[in-house]
C-alpha atoms as a PDB file:
ATOM      1  CA  MET A   1     106.839 -46.537 -70.455  1.00  0.00           C
ATOM      2  CA  LYS A   2     105.438 -46.342 -74.082  1.00  0.00           C
ATOM      3  CA  ASN A   3     103.080 -49.135 -75.093  1.00  0.00           C
ATOM      4  CA  THR A   4     102.996 -50.725 -78.662  1.00  0.00           C
ATOM      5  CA  GLU A   5      99.881 -48.372 -79.540  1.00  0.00           C
ATOM      6  CA  ASP A   6     101.770 -45.267 -78.715  1.00  0.00           C
ATOM      7  CA  ILE A   7     104.846 -46.307 -80.518  1.00  0.00           C
ATOM      8  CA  LYS A   8     102.658 -47.157 -83.646  1.00  0.00           C
ATOM      9  CA  LYS A   9     101.082 -43.666 -83.559  1.00  0.00           C
ATOM     10  CA  ILE A  10     104.413 -42.141 -83.385  1.00  0.00           C
ATOM     11  CA  LYS A  11     105.794 -43.938 -86.424  1.00  0.00           C
ATOM     12  CA  SER A  12     102.741 -43.055 -88.403  1.00  0.00           C
ATOM     13  CA  LEU A  13     103.573 -39.373 -87.613  1.00  0.00           C
ATOM     14  CA  ILE A  14     107.344 -39.622 -88.396  1.00  0.00           C
ATOM     15  CA  ASP A  15     108.681 -40.796 -91.332  1.00  0.00           C
ATOM     16  CA  THR A  16     112.504 -42.164 -91.012  1.00  0.00           C
ATOM     17  CA  PRO A  17     114.868 -40.976 -92.220  1.00  0.00           C
ATOM     18  CA  ASN A  18     113.799 -37.350 -91.920  1.00  0.00           C
ATOM     19  CA  VAL A  19     115.128 -34.319 -90.588  1.00  0.00           C
ATOM     20  CA  VAL A  20     114.276 -32.556 -87.312  1.00  0.00           C
ATOM     21  CA  MET A  21     115.345 -29.718 -85.439  1.00  0.00           C
ATOM     22  CA  MET A  22     116.920 -30.934 -82.038  1.00  0.00           C
ATOM     23  CA  ALA A  23     117.064 -28.025 -79.409  1.00  0.00           C
ATOM     24  CA  THR A  24     119.217 -28.351 -76.564  1.00  0.00           C
ATOM     25  CA  ARG A  25     120.003 -26.170 -73.424  1.00  0.00           C
ATOM     26  CA  LEU A  26     116.221 -25.880 -73.325  1.00  0.00           C
ATOM     27  CA  GLN A  27     116.643 -23.460 -70.027  1.00  0.00           C
ATOM     28  CA  LYS A  28     118.907 -21.050 -71.958  1.00  0.00           C
ATOM     29  CA  ILE A  29     117.268 -18.303 -73.745  1.00  0.00           C
ATOM     30  CA  PRO A  30     117.573 -18.331 -76.501  1.00  0.00           C
ATOM     31  CA  PHE A  31     118.174 -22.358 -76.633  1.00  0.00           C
ATOM     32  CA  SER A  32     120.221 -24.078 -79.157  1.00  0.00           C
ATOM     33  CA  VAL A  33     118.774 -25.771 -82.550  1.00  0.00           C
ATOM     34  CA  CYS A  34     120.255 -27.685 -85.262  1.00  0.00           C
ATOM     35  CA  PRO A  35     118.778 -29.976 -87.943  1.00  0.00           C
ATOM     36  CA  MET A  36     119.339 -33.726 -87.153  1.00  0.00           C
ATOM     37  CA  THR A  37     118.228 -36.780 -89.134  1.00  0.00           C
ATOM     38  CA  ILE A  38     116.311 -39.645 -87.359  1.00  0.00           C
ATOM     39  CA  GLN A  39     117.839 -42.942 -87.974  1.00  0.00           C
ATOM     40  CA  GLU A  40     115.398 -45.009 -86.494  1.00  0.00           C
ATOM     41  CA  LEU A  41     112.507 -45.159 -84.006  1.00  0.00           C
ATOM     42  CA  ASP A  42     112.944 -48.282 -82.621  1.00  0.00           C
ATOM     43  CA  GLU A  43     110.734 -50.968 -80.993  1.00  0.00           C
ATOM     44  CA  GLN A  44     110.931 -49.512 -77.318  1.00  0.00           C
ATOM     45  CA  GLY A  45     109.948 -45.985 -78.984  1.00  0.00           C
ATOM     46  CA  ASP A  46     113.543 -44.676 -78.741  1.00  0.00           C
ATOM     47  CA  ILE A  47     114.866 -42.038 -81.296  1.00  0.00           C
ATOM     48  CA  TRP A  48     118.340 -42.606 -82.706  1.00  0.00           C
ATOM     49  CA  PHE A  49     120.678 -40.126 -84.291  1.00  0.00           C
ATOM     50  CA  ILE A  50     124.544 -40.278 -85.535  1.00  0.00           C
ATOM     51  CA  SER A  51     126.128 -37.210 -84.317  1.00  0.00           C
ATOM     52  CA  SER A  52     129.724 -35.497 -84.253  1.00  0.00           C
ATOM     53  CA  LYS A  53     131.277 -35.225 -80.839  1.00  0.00           C
ATOM     54  CA  ASN A  54     132.549 -31.820 -81.065  1.00  0.00           C
ATOM     55  CA  SER A  55     129.197 -30.343 -82.205  1.00  0.00           C
ATOM     56  CA  GLY A  56     127.509 -27.851 -79.984  1.00  0.00           C
ATOM     57  CA  HIS A  57     124.556 -30.143 -79.306  1.00  0.00           C
ATOM     58  CA  PHE A  58     126.543 -32.972 -78.130  1.00  0.00           C
ATOM     59  CA  LYS A  59     128.533 -31.079 -75.853  1.00  0.00           C
ATOM     60  CA  ASP A  60     125.209 -29.351 -74.794  1.00  0.00           C
ATOM     61  CA  ILE A  61     123.902 -32.834 -73.798  1.00  0.00           C
ATOM     62  CA  GLU A  62     126.727 -33.415 -71.708  1.00  0.00           C
ATOM     63  CA  HIS A  63     125.593 -30.538 -69.299  1.00  0.00           C
ATOM     64  CA  ASP A  64     121.625 -31.122 -69.660  1.00  0.00           C
ATOM     65  CA  ASN A  65     120.370 -34.158 -71.545  1.00  0.00           C
ATOM     66  CA  LYS A  66     116.806 -32.777 -71.988  1.00  0.00           C
ATOM     67  CA  VAL A  67     116.095 -32.133 -75.753  1.00  0.00           C
ATOM     68  CA  GLN A  68     113.122 -31.208 -77.670  1.00  0.00           C
ATOM     69  CA  LEU A  69     112.634 -32.629 -81.321  1.00  0.00           C
ATOM     70  CA  ILE A  70     110.447 -30.088 -83.731  1.00  0.00           C
ATOM     71  CA  TYR A  71     109.347 -32.098 -86.893  1.00  0.00           C
ATOM     72  CA  ALA A  72     107.169 -30.089 -89.597  1.00  0.00           C
ATOM     73  CA  ASP A  73     105.663 -31.570 -92.774  1.00  0.00           C
ATOM     74  CA  ASP A  74     103.807 -28.921 -94.815  1.00  0.00           C
ATOM     75  CA  LYS A  75     102.746 -31.505 -97.337  1.00  0.00           C
ATOM     76  CA  ALA A  76     101.528 -33.819 -95.045  1.00  0.00           C
ATOM     77  CA  GLN A  77     100.469 -31.483 -92.568  1.00  0.00           C
ATOM     78  CA  LYS A  78     102.474 -32.947 -89.832  1.00  0.00           C
ATOM     79  CA  TYR A  79     103.724 -31.293 -86.998  1.00  0.00           C
ATOM     80  CA  ILE A  80     105.277 -32.584 -84.140  1.00  0.00           C
ATOM     81  CA  SER A  81     106.885 -31.930 -80.778  1.00  0.00           C
ATOM     82  CA  ILE A  82     108.844 -34.198 -78.842  1.00  0.00           C
ATOM     83  CA  PHE A  83     110.598 -33.877 -75.353  1.00  0.00           C
ATOM     84  CA  GLY A  84     113.054 -36.523 -74.220  1.00  0.00           C
ATOM     85  CA  ASN A  85     116.298 -37.556 -72.763  1.00  0.00           C
ATOM     86  CA  ALA A  86     119.419 -37.519 -75.041  1.00  0.00           C
ATOM     87  CA  THR A  87     122.110 -40.191 -74.339  1.00  0.00           C
ATOM     88  CA  HIS A  88     125.277 -40.633 -76.063  1.00  0.00           C
ATOM     89  CA  VAL A  89     125.894 -44.202 -76.707  1.00  0.00           C
ATOM     90  CA  VAL A  90     128.767 -46.498 -78.049  1.00  0.00           C
ATOM     91  CA  ASP A  91     127.528 -49.148 -80.334  1.00  0.00           C
ATOM     92  CA  LYS A  92     129.310 -50.300 -83.245  1.00  0.00           C
ATOM     93  CA  LYS A  93     126.605 -52.625 -84.497  1.00  0.00           C
ATOM     94  CA  LYS A  94     124.182 -49.924 -84.263  1.00  0.00           C
ATOM     95  CA  LEU A  95     126.461 -47.531 -86.145  1.00  0.00           C
ATOM     96  CA  ASP A  96     126.956 -50.191 -88.891  1.00  0.00           C
ATOM     97  CA  GLU A  97     122.794 -50.339 -89.450  1.00  0.00           C
ATOM     98  CA  PHE A  98     122.648 -46.664 -89.716  1.00  0.00           C
ATOM     99  CA  TRP A  99     125.771 -46.031 -91.944  1.00  0.00           C
ATOM    100  CA  SER A 100     125.502 -44.656 -95.443  1.00  0.00           C
ATOM    101  CA  PRO A 101     128.036 -43.251 -97.816  1.00  0.00           C
ATOM    102  CA  GLN A 102     126.088 -39.805 -97.192  1.00  0.00           C
ATOM    103  CA  LEU A 103     127.785 -39.764 -93.715  1.00  0.00           C
ATOM    104  CA  LEU A 104     131.214 -39.214 -95.346  1.00  0.00           C
ATOM    105  CA  GLN A 105     130.398 -35.543 -96.042  1.00  0.00           C
ATOM    106  CA  TRP A 106     130.857 -35.108 -92.217  1.00  0.00           C
ATOM    107  CA  PHE A 107     133.065 -38.227 -91.174  1.00  0.00           C
ATOM    108  CA  THR A 108     135.845 -39.998 -92.691  1.00  0.00           C
ATOM    109  CA  GLY A 109     134.598 -43.329 -92.189  1.00  0.00           C
ATOM    110  CA  LYS A 110     132.722 -45.652 -89.821  1.00  0.00           C
ATOM    111  CA  ASP A 111     135.862 -45.405 -87.541  1.00  0.00           C
ATOM    112  CA  ASP A 112     135.989 -41.745 -87.418  1.00  0.00           C
ATOM    113  CA  PRO A 113     137.009 -41.067 -83.781  1.00  0.00           C
ATOM    114  CA  ASN A 114     134.329 -38.074 -83.756  1.00  0.00           C
ATOM    115  CA  ILE A 115     131.328 -40.232 -84.614  1.00  0.00           C
ATOM    116  CA  ALA A 116     128.775 -40.809 -82.102  1.00  0.00           C
ATOM    117  CA  LEU A 117     125.256 -41.934 -81.844  1.00  0.00           C
ATOM    118  CA  LEU A 118     122.517 -39.878 -79.818  1.00  0.00           C
ATOM    119  CA  ASN A 119     119.596 -41.992 -78.300  1.00  0.00           C
ATOM    120  CA  VAL A 120     116.488 -39.985 -77.045  1.00  0.00           C
ATOM    121  CA  ASN A 121     114.334 -41.632 -74.677  1.00  0.00           C
ATOM    122  CA  ILE A 122     110.813 -40.010 -75.288  1.00  0.00           C
ATOM    123  CA  SER A 123     109.203 -38.416 -72.336  1.00  0.00           C
ATOM    124  CA  SER A 124     106.008 -36.719 -74.340  1.00  0.00           C
ATOM    125  CA  VAL A 125     104.884 -36.586 -77.869  1.00  0.00           C
ATOM    126  CA  SER A 126     102.225 -34.153 -79.138  1.00  0.00           C
ATOM    127  CA  TYR A 127     101.126 -33.415 -82.513  1.00  0.00           C
ATOM    128  CA  TRP A 128      98.807 -31.119 -84.150  1.00  0.00           C
ATOM    129  CA  ASN A 129      95.673 -32.822 -85.641  1.00  0.00           C
ATOM    130  CA  SER A 130      94.812 -30.772 -88.930  1.00  0.00           C
ATOM    131  CA  GLN A 131      91.293 -32.703 -89.306  1.00  0.00           C
ATOM    132  CA  LEU A 132      90.606 -30.994 -85.712  1.00  0.00           C
ATOM    133  CA  TYR A 133      92.607 -27.965 -85.589  1.00  0.00           C
ATOM    134  CA  LYS A 134      93.946 -28.892 -82.219  1.00  0.00           C
ATOM    135  CA  LEU A 135      96.928 -30.234 -80.379  1.00  0.00           C
ATOM    136  CA  GLU A 136      96.826 -33.584 -79.339  1.00  0.00           C
ATOM    137  CA  SER A 137      99.184 -35.832 -77.256  1.00  0.00           C
ATOM    138  CA  VAL A 138     100.405 -39.147 -78.073  1.00  0.00           C
ATOM    139  CA  PHE A 139     102.280 -39.816 -74.997  1.00  0.00           C
ATOM    140  CA  SER A 140     103.448 -38.580 -71.866  1.00  0.00           C
ATOM    141  CA  LYS A 141     105.571 -39.722 -68.923  1.00  0.00           C
ATOM    142  CA  ASP A 142     103.605 -37.208 -66.818  1.00  0.00           C
ATOM    143  CA  ASN A 143     100.006 -38.939 -66.889  1.00  0.00           C
ATOM    144  CA  SER A 144      98.599 -36.333 -64.754  1.00  0.00           C
ATOM    145  CA  ALA A 145      99.075 -33.688 -67.661  1.00  0.00           C
ATOM    146  CA  ILE A 146      97.005 -35.875 -70.076  1.00  0.00           C
ATOM    147  CA  ALA A 147      92.947 -36.300 -69.832  1.00  0.00           C
ATOM    148  CA  LYS A 148      91.246 -38.477 -72.425  1.00  0.00           C
ATOM    149  CA  ASN A 149      88.132 -36.589 -73.925  1.00  0.00           C
ATOM    150  CA  GLU A 150      84.611 -38.216 -74.696  1.00  0.00           C
ATOM    151  CA  THR A 151      85.908 -39.242 -78.038  1.00  0.00           C
ATOM    152  CA  GLY A 152      88.792 -41.151 -76.530  1.00  0.00           C
ATOM    153  CA  ASN A 153      91.304 -38.540 -77.968  1.00  0.00           C
ATOM    154  CA  ILE A 154      94.110 -37.602 -75.601  1.00  0.00           C
ATOM    155  CA  ASN A 155      94.421 -33.765 -74.958  1.00  0.00           C
ATOM    156  CA  MET A 156      97.138 -31.751 -73.162  1.00  0.00           C
ATOM    157  CA  GLN A 157      95.885 -30.113 -70.215  1.00  0.00           C
ATOM    158  CA  ASN A 158      96.916 -26.701 -69.353  1.00  0.00           C
ATOM    159  CA  TYR A 159      99.269 -26.707 -72.649  1.00  0.00           C
END
């Protein structure tokens, strides 16, 4: 379970809405990648997207819901890798929250039968600490893979 401090740290790293690369079919070489706009990082620490039911990534998630989100912001020196499990969600109220006229590029409206929500439940987050020049972990469900160093920073082991 992600705690409030983990969620605050993740929110400080990721500006929403923002575009990330979503990788699916992680066991396949090459894996599939597509740009996705983050709609929200909610209070539980889940990330929300709007998707097309006809998209390759939507179909990939039906077979294997493990995804990786890759975020890079050169100007702010933010580089983040997020692993999680994606779920297709039907929630008209949530879709109403996220709806914007820009989505008309891809959909005929909020009632388009092809529109869907994706929810990614985060299992781990790592980021490049540009001040210390190293990869650090914010959160991982596999706590055995994390160790705190003497300054209290969390470092990935065997990464």
